[in-house]
Amino acid sequence: QVQLVESGGGLVQAGGSLRLSCAASGLASVTYFLGWFRQAPGKDREFVASISGRGWSITYADSVKGRFTISRDNAKNTVYLQMNSLKAEDTAVYYCAADRGTLLGKASYWGQGTQVTVSS
């Protein structure tokens, strides 16, 4: 049974940083893309970043390029999202996701979500 358990998140001032973690279980790490989506109040859930099974292919949404870094540690079955230079528009619930495909079109598994709030 696949489970994605997130940690991190919280309240941070604009310009600050947060690091999100997501521990995956019940899947073979190298066969899955792992990534992150986010959903702000009144908005659709949007793609943020993804990383392929061995970490060789990484994709970012234009809105976070140069500020966010996705990485994974397959020995720990964990994916990370380092968020720097945070802006108010980054405020959202962030969801960890997994799929055998790229995650650009769909996700097979989801975490519970963690709130990120950026204040000024």
Protein backbone atom coordinates (compact mmCIF):
# COMPACT_ATOMS: atom_id res chain seq x y z
CA GLN A 1 0.00 0.00 0.00
CA VAL A 2 1.56 3.27 -1.14
CA GLN A 3 1.73 6.05 1.41
CA LEU A 4 3.26 9.53 1.17
CA VAL A 5 3.90 11.29 4.47
CA GLU A 6 4.88 14.96 4.42
CA SER A 7 6.73 17.04 6.96
CA GLY A 8 7.91 20.63 7.11
CA GLY A 9 5.90 23.62 6.08
CA GLY A 10 4.72 26.42 8.30
CA LEU A 11 4.84 30.19 8.51
CA VAL A 12 7.73 32.16 7.02
CA GLN A 13 8.35 35.80 6.14
CA ALA A 14 8.69 36.92 2.55
CA GLY A 15 12.24 36.32 1.35
CA GLY A 16 12.71 33.43 3.72
CA SER A 17 13.13 29.71 3.16
CA LEU A 18 11.44 26.43 3.99
CA ARG A 19 12.28 22.81 3.25
CA LEU A 20 9.52 20.27 2.71
CA SER A 21 10.07 16.52 2.99
CA CYS A 22 7.95 13.59 1.85
CA ALA A 23 8.69 10.01 2.86
CA ALA A 24 7.32 7.38 0.48
CA SER A 25 6.53 3.78 1.34
CA GLY A 26 5.01 0.87 -0.56
CA LEU A 27 6.71 1.67 -3.87
CA ALA A 28 10.01 0.94 -5.60
CA SER A 29 11.72 4.32 -5.59
CA VAL A 30 13.56 4.15 -8.92
CA THR A 31 10.38 3.28 -10.84
CA TYR A 32 8.45 6.39 -9.75
CA PHE A 33 8.56 10.08 -10.44
CA LEU A 34 8.11 12.05 -7.23
CA GLY A 35 7.03 15.65 -7.07
CA TRP A 36 5.05 18.50 -5.60
CA PHE A 37 1.80 20.29 -6.38
CA ARG A 38 0.20 23.21 -4.58
CA GLN A 39 -3.26 24.67 -4.19
CA ALA A 40 -4.03 28.20 -3.04
CA PRO A 41 -7.49 29.21 -1.74
CA GLY A 42 -9.97 29.45 -4.60
CA LYS A 43 -7.44 28.12 -7.12
CA ASP A 44 -6.94 24.83 -8.93
CA ARG A 45 -4.17 22.52 -7.85
CA GLU A 46 -1.05 23.34 -9.88
CA PHE A 47 2.17 21.53 -10.69
CA VAL A 48 5.30 22.77 -8.90
CA ALA A 49 8.17 20.35 -9.56
CA SER A 50 8.97 16.73 -10.37
CA ILE A 51 12.01 14.48 -10.37
CA SER A 52 12.47 11.16 -12.17
CA GLY A 53 13.24 7.86 -10.50
CA ARG A 54 17.03 8.18 -10.59
CA GLY A 55 17.03 11.98 -10.36
CA TRP A 56 18.24 12.49 -13.93
CA SER A 57 15.25 14.52 -15.15
CA ILE A 58 13.85 17.50 -13.25
CA THR A 59 11.02 19.83 -14.22
CA TYR A 60 9.90 23.07 -12.54
CA ALA A 61 6.93 25.32 -13.02
CA ASP A 62 7.98 28.68 -14.46
CA SER A 63 6.77 30.45 -11.32
CA VAL A 64 9.34 28.71 -9.10
CA LYS A 65 12.36 28.36 -11.40
CA GLY A 66 15.51 29.68 -9.79
CA ARG A 67 13.95 29.71 -6.33
CA PHE A 68 12.90 26.12 -5.59
CA THR A 69 15.02 22.97 -5.75
CA ILE A 70 13.65 19.44 -5.82
CA SER A 71 15.82 16.49 -4.84
CA ARG A 72 15.41 12.88 -3.75
CA ASP A 73 17.23 10.35 -1.63
CA ASN A 74 16.20 6.88 -2.75
CA ALA A 75 18.03 5.23 0.14
CA LYS A 76 15.58 7.06 2.41
CA ASN A 77 12.63 6.89 -0.03
CA THR A 78 12.27 10.63 0.44
CA VAL A 79 11.74 13.63 -1.84
CA TYR A 80 12.52 17.19 -0.78
CA LEU A 81 11.51 20.66 -1.89
CA GLN A 82 13.87 23.44 -0.85
CA MET A 83 12.02 26.75 -1.20
CA ASN A 84 14.07 29.96 -1.15
CA SER A 85 13.18 33.61 -1.72
CA LEU A 86 9.58 32.88 -0.83
CA LYS A 87 6.85 35.24 -2.01
CA ALA A 88 3.31 35.85 -0.82
CA GLU A 89 2.00 34.09 -3.93
CA ASP A 90 3.73 30.89 -2.80
CA THR A 91 1.20 30.61 0.02
CA ALA A 92 -0.71 27.36 -0.54
CA VAL A 93 -1.25 23.82 0.62
CA TYR A 94 1.61 21.78 -0.81
CA TYR A 95 1.00 18.15 -1.79
CA CYS A 96 3.53 15.42 -2.37
CA ALA A 97 2.74 13.17 -5.35
CA ALA A 98 4.00 10.01 -7.06
CA ASP A 99 3.41 8.39 -10.45
CA ARG A 100 5.14 6.04 -12.87
CA GLY A 101 4.86 8.84 -15.43
CA THR A 102 6.15 12.41 -15.41
CA LEU A 103 3.48 13.88 -13.07
CA LEU A 104 2.80 16.59 -15.64
CA GLY A 105 -0.53 15.03 -16.59
CA LYS A 106 -1.62 13.07 -13.54
CA ALA A 107 -0.60 11.62 -10.20
CA SER A 108 -1.45 8.17 -8.92
CA TYR A 109 -0.72 8.85 -5.26
CA TRP A 110 -0.98 11.90 -3.03
CA GLY A 111 0.17 13.01 0.37
CA GLN A 112 -2.14 14.69 2.84
CA GLY A 113 -0.89 18.21 2.15
CA THR A 114 1.00 20.68 4.31
CA GLN A 115 0.31 24.39 4.69
CA VAL A 116 2.92 26.93 3.64
CA THR A 117 2.13 30.53 4.56
CA VAL A 118 4.36 33.42 3.48
CA SER A 119 3.80 36.67 5.34
CA SER A 120 5.15 40.18 4.97
